Amino acid sequence: MPDIQAADFAGLTRRYGVEVIAEKVENERQVVDILELDVGMGQGHLFGEPRAIKEQVLAETDPPAEFLRSTLRSAEQRRRFH
């Protein structure tokens, strides 16, 4: 299997539905390098300082209550039969 060049990596992963996100972007020179590698998204201090997530935002990602109940029921049933 031939080696994959860094410049080909983002395109390769995109073919499989995976989008590469560059992390720890600290300066504008890194942005230029990242764009040359065909990576369209990045995160890091250059774009903004990290901050705490608000409780309201975290609550929006909680699974629905019915999902939790059905998952717990399934787990209990598996324990009873094993």
N, C-alpha and C. Protein backbone atom coordinates (compact mmCIF):
# COMPACT_ATOMS: atom_id res chain seq x y z
N MET A 1 0.85 -1.19 0.00
CA MET A 1 0.00 0.00 0.00
C MET A 1 0.89 1.25 0.00
N PRO A 2 0.68 2.14 -0.92
CA PRO A 2 1.52 3.34 -0.98
C PRO A 2 1.26 4.26 0.21
N ASP A 3 2.28 5.03 0.52
CA ASP A 3 2.13 6.01 1.61
C ASP A 3 1.16 7.11 1.21
N ILE A 4 0.45 7.62 2.21
CA ILE A 4 -0.49 8.72 1.97
C ILE A 4 0.23 10.02 2.28
N GLN A 5 0.20 10.94 1.36
CA GLN A 5 0.78 12.26 1.57
C GLN A 5 -0.17 13.10 2.42
N ALA A 6 0.38 13.99 3.24
CA ALA A 6 -0.46 14.84 4.10
C ALA A 6 -1.48 15.61 3.28
N ALA A 7 -1.10 16.06 2.10
CA ALA A 7 -2.01 16.84 1.25
C ALA A 7 -3.19 16.01 0.74
N ASP A 8 -3.08 14.70 0.76
CA ASP A 8 -4.15 13.82 0.27
C ASP A 8 -5.09 13.35 1.38
N PHE A 9 -4.72 13.56 2.63
CA PHE A 9 -5.46 12.97 3.75
C PHE A 9 -6.89 13.50 3.85
N ALA A 10 -7.09 14.81 3.79
CA ALA A 10 -8.44 15.38 3.94
C ALA A 10 -9.36 14.89 2.82
N GLY A 11 -8.86 14.84 1.62
CA GLY A 11 -9.66 14.34 0.50
C GLY A 11 -10.02 12.87 0.66
N LEU A 12 -9.07 12.09 1.15
CA LEU A 12 -9.32 10.66 1.37
C LEU A 12 -10.41 10.46 2.42
N THR A 13 -10.30 11.15 3.53
CA THR A 13 -11.31 10.96 4.58
C THR A 13 -12.68 11.48 4.14
N ARG A 14 -12.69 12.54 3.35
CA ARG A 14 -13.95 13.11 2.87
C ARG A 14 -14.72 12.11 2.00
N ARG A 15 -13.98 11.28 1.25
CA ARG A 15 -14.63 10.26 0.42
C ARG A 15 -15.41 9.26 1.27
N TYR A 16 -15.03 9.11 2.52
CA TYR A 16 -15.70 8.19 3.43
C TYR A 16 -16.64 8.91 4.40
N GLY A 17 -16.93 10.18 4.11
CA GLY A 17 -17.88 10.93 4.92
C GLY A 17 -17.30 11.49 6.21
N VAL A 18 -15.99 11.57 6.30
CA VAL A 18 -15.34 12.09 7.51
C VAL A 18 -14.69 13.43 7.18
N GLU A 19 -15.01 14.44 7.96
CA GLU A 19 -14.43 15.76 7.75
C GLU A 19 -13.33 15.99 8.79
N VAL A 20 -12.15 16.37 8.34
CA VAL A 20 -11.02 16.63 9.22
C VAL A 20 -11.15 18.02 9.81
N ILE A 21 -10.90 18.14 11.10
CA ILE A 21 -10.90 19.43 11.79
C ILE A 21 -9.53 19.61 12.42
N ALA A 22 -8.85 20.68 12.06
CA ALA A 22 -7.53 20.96 12.63
C ALA A 22 -7.69 21.49 14.05
N GLU A 23 -6.89 20.98 14.97
CA GLU A 23 -6.94 21.42 16.36
C GLU A 23 -5.71 22.25 16.69
N LYS A 24 -5.82 22.99 17.78
CA LYS A 24 -4.72 23.79 18.32
C LYS A 24 -4.19 24.79 17.31
N VAL A 25 -5.08 25.45 16.61
CA VAL A 25 -4.68 26.49 15.66
C VAL A 25 -4.36 27.74 16.49
N GLU A 26 -3.09 28.12 16.49
CA GLU A 26 -2.64 29.20 17.36
C GLU A 26 -2.25 30.47 16.61
N ASN A 27 -1.92 30.36 15.32
CA ASN A 27 -1.49 31.57 14.59
C ASN A 27 -1.94 31.50 13.13
N GLU A 28 -1.86 32.65 12.48
CA GLU A 28 -2.36 32.75 11.10
C GLU A 28 -1.55 31.92 10.12
N ARG A 29 -0.28 31.72 10.36
CA ARG A 29 0.54 30.89 9.47
C ARG A 29 0.01 29.46 9.45
N GLN A 30 -0.45 28.97 10.59
CA GLN A 30 -1.02 27.63 10.64
C GLN A 30 -2.28 27.55 9.78
N VAL A 31 -3.06 28.62 9.75
CA VAL A 31 -4.29 28.63 8.94
C VAL A 31 -3.93 28.46 7.47
N VAL A 32 -2.90 29.14 7.03
CA VAL A 32 -2.46 29.02 5.63
C VAL A 32 -2.06 27.57 5.34
N ASP A 33 -1.26 26.99 6.24
CA ASP A 33 -0.83 25.59 6.06
C ASP A 33 -2.03 24.63 6.03
N ILE A 34 -2.98 24.86 6.93
CA ILE A 34 -4.16 24.00 7.01
C ILE A 34 -4.99 24.09 5.74
N LEU A 35 -5.18 25.30 5.24
CA LEU A 35 -5.95 25.48 4.01
C LEU A 35 -5.24 24.84 2.81
N GLU A 36 -3.92 24.90 2.80
CA GLU A 36 -3.17 24.25 1.71
C GLU A 36 -3.34 22.74 1.74
N LEU A 37 -3.66 22.19 2.91
CA LEU A 37 -3.89 20.75 3.03
C LEU A 37 -5.35 20.40 2.79
N ASP A 38 -6.15 21.37 2.34
CA ASP A 38 -7.57 21.18 2.01
C ASP A 38 -8.41 20.84 3.24
N VAL A 39 -7.99 21.33 4.40
CA VAL A 39 -8.77 21.18 5.62
C VAL A 39 -9.53 22.48 5.81
N GLY A 40 -10.85 22.39 5.84
CA GLY A 40 -11.67 23.60 5.85
C GLY A 40 -12.13 24.06 7.21
N MET A 41 -11.86 23.27 8.26
CA MET A 41 -12.32 23.65 9.59
C MET A 41 -11.18 23.53 10.59
N GLY A 42 -11.19 24.42 11.57
CA GLY A 42 -10.17 24.37 12.61
C GLY A 42 -10.68 24.97 13.89
N GLN A 43 -9.99 24.65 14.97
CA GLN A 43 -10.33 25.21 16.26
C GLN A 43 -9.04 25.47 17.01
N GLY A 44 -9.09 26.47 17.86
CA GLY A 44 -7.90 26.80 18.64
C GLY A 44 -7.96 28.22 19.16
N HIS A 45 -6.93 28.60 19.89
CA HIS A 45 -6.90 29.92 20.52
C HIS A 45 -6.96 31.08 19.53
N LEU A 46 -6.52 30.86 18.30
CA LEU A 46 -6.59 31.93 17.30
C LEU A 46 -8.03 32.37 17.09
N PHE A 47 -8.97 31.45 17.19
CA PHE A 47 -10.38 31.75 16.94
C PHE A 47 -11.13 32.17 18.20
N GLY A 48 -10.58 31.92 19.36
CA GLY A 48 -11.23 32.31 20.60
C GLY A 48 -10.73 31.48 21.76
N GLU A 49 -10.70 32.09 22.92
CA GLU A 49 -10.27 31.40 24.13
C GLU A 49 -11.32 30.38 24.55
N PRO A 50 -10.89 29.26 25.10
CA PRO A 50 -11.86 28.28 25.60
C PRO A 50 -12.67 28.87 26.75
N ARG A 51 -13.91 28.47 26.86
CA ARG A 51 -14.75 28.94 27.97
C ARG A 51 -15.68 27.82 28.39
N ALA A 52 -16.20 27.94 29.57
CA ALA A 52 -17.07 26.91 30.13
C ALA A 52 -18.37 26.85 29.33
N ILE A 53 -18.92 25.66 29.25
CA ILE A 53 -20.19 25.46 28.57
C ILE A 53 -21.31 25.78 29.54
N LYS A 54 -22.30 26.52 29.09
CA LYS A 54 -23.44 26.85 29.93
C LYS A 54 -24.27 25.61 30.19
N GLU A 55 -24.85 25.51 31.37
CA GLU A 55 -25.69 24.37 31.73
C GLU A 55 -26.84 24.19 30.74
N GLN A 56 -27.39 25.29 30.25
CA GLN A 56 -28.51 25.23 29.30
C GLN A 56 -28.09 24.50 28.03
N VAL A 57 -26.89 24.75 27.55
CA VAL A 57 -26.39 24.09 26.34
C VAL A 57 -26.21 22.60 26.60
N LEU A 58 -25.67 22.25 27.75
CA LEU A 58 -25.49 20.83 28.09
C LEU A 58 -26.82 20.11 28.16
N ALA A 59 -27.84 20.77 28.70
CA ALA A 59 -29.16 20.14 28.82
C ALA A 59 -29.75 19.83 27.45
N GLU A 60 -29.42 20.61 26.45
CA GLU A 60 -29.95 20.38 25.10
C GLU A 60 -29.41 19.10 24.49
N THR A 61 -28.31 18.59 25.01
CA THR A 61 -27.70 17.38 24.44
C THR A 61 -28.10 16.12 25.20
N ASP A 62 -28.90 16.25 26.25
CA ASP A 62 -29.36 15.08 26.99
C ASP A 62 -30.25 14.21 26.10
N PRO A 63 -30.11 12.89 26.19
CA PRO A 63 -30.99 12.02 25.40
C PRO A 63 -32.42 12.13 25.91
N PRO A 64 -33.40 11.85 25.05
CA PRO A 64 -34.80 11.90 25.48
C PRO A 64 -35.05 10.93 26.63
N ALA A 65 -35.95 11.31 27.53
CA ALA A 65 -36.24 10.49 28.71
C ALA A 65 -36.71 9.10 28.33
N GLU A 66 -37.53 8.97 27.30
CA GLU A 66 -38.02 7.65 26.88
C GLU A 66 -36.87 6.74 26.44
N PHE A 67 -35.90 7.31 25.77
CA PHE A 67 -34.72 6.54 25.36
C PHE A 67 -34.00 5.99 26.59
N LEU A 68 -33.82 6.83 27.60
CA LEU A 68 -33.15 6.39 28.82
C LEU A 68 -33.93 5.27 29.50
N ARG A 69 -35.26 5.42 29.59
CA ARG A 69 -36.08 4.39 30.23
C ARG A 69 -35.99 3.07 29.47
N SER A 70 -36.08 3.12 28.16
CA SER A 70 -36.03 1.88 27.38
C SER A 70 -34.65 1.24 27.46
N THR A 71 -33.61 2.03 27.51
CA THR A 71 -32.25 1.49 27.62
C THR A 71 -32.05 0.82 28.97
N LEU A 72 -32.56 1.45 30.03
CA LEU A 72 -32.44 0.84 31.36
C LEU A 72 -33.24 -0.45 31.44
N ARG A 73 -34.43 -0.47 30.85
CA ARG A 73 -35.25 -1.70 30.85
C ARG A 73 -34.51 -2.82 30.13
N SER A 74 -33.93 -2.51 28.99
CA SER A 74 -33.21 -3.53 28.21
C SER A 74 -32.03 -4.07 29.01
N ALA A 75 -31.31 -3.21 29.69
CA ALA A 75 -30.15 -3.63 30.49
C ALA A 75 -30.61 -4.52 31.63
N GLU A 76 -31.71 -4.17 32.26
CA GLU A 76 -32.22 -4.99 33.37
C GLU A 76 -32.65 -6.36 32.87
N GLN A 77 -33.29 -6.41 31.72
CA GLN A 77 -33.72 -7.69 31.16
C GLN A 77 -32.52 -8.57 30.82
N ARG A 78 -31.48 -7.99 30.28
CA ARG A 78 -30.28 -8.77 29.96
C ARG A 78 -29.65 -9.34 31.21
N ARG A 79 -29.64 -8.59 32.30
CA ARG A 79 -29.05 -9.08 33.54
C ARG A 79 -29.86 -10.25 34.11
N ARG A 80 -31.18 -10.19 33.99
CA ARG A 80 -32.04 -11.25 34.53
C ARG A 80 -31.83 -12.57 33.79
N PHE A 81 -31.56 -12.49 32.49
CA PHE A 81 -31.46 -13.71 31.68
C PHE A 81 -30.05 -14.26 31.62
N HIS A 82 -29.08 -13.57 32.17
CA HIS A 82 -27.69 -14.06 32.09
C HIS A 82 -27.18 -14.48 33.42
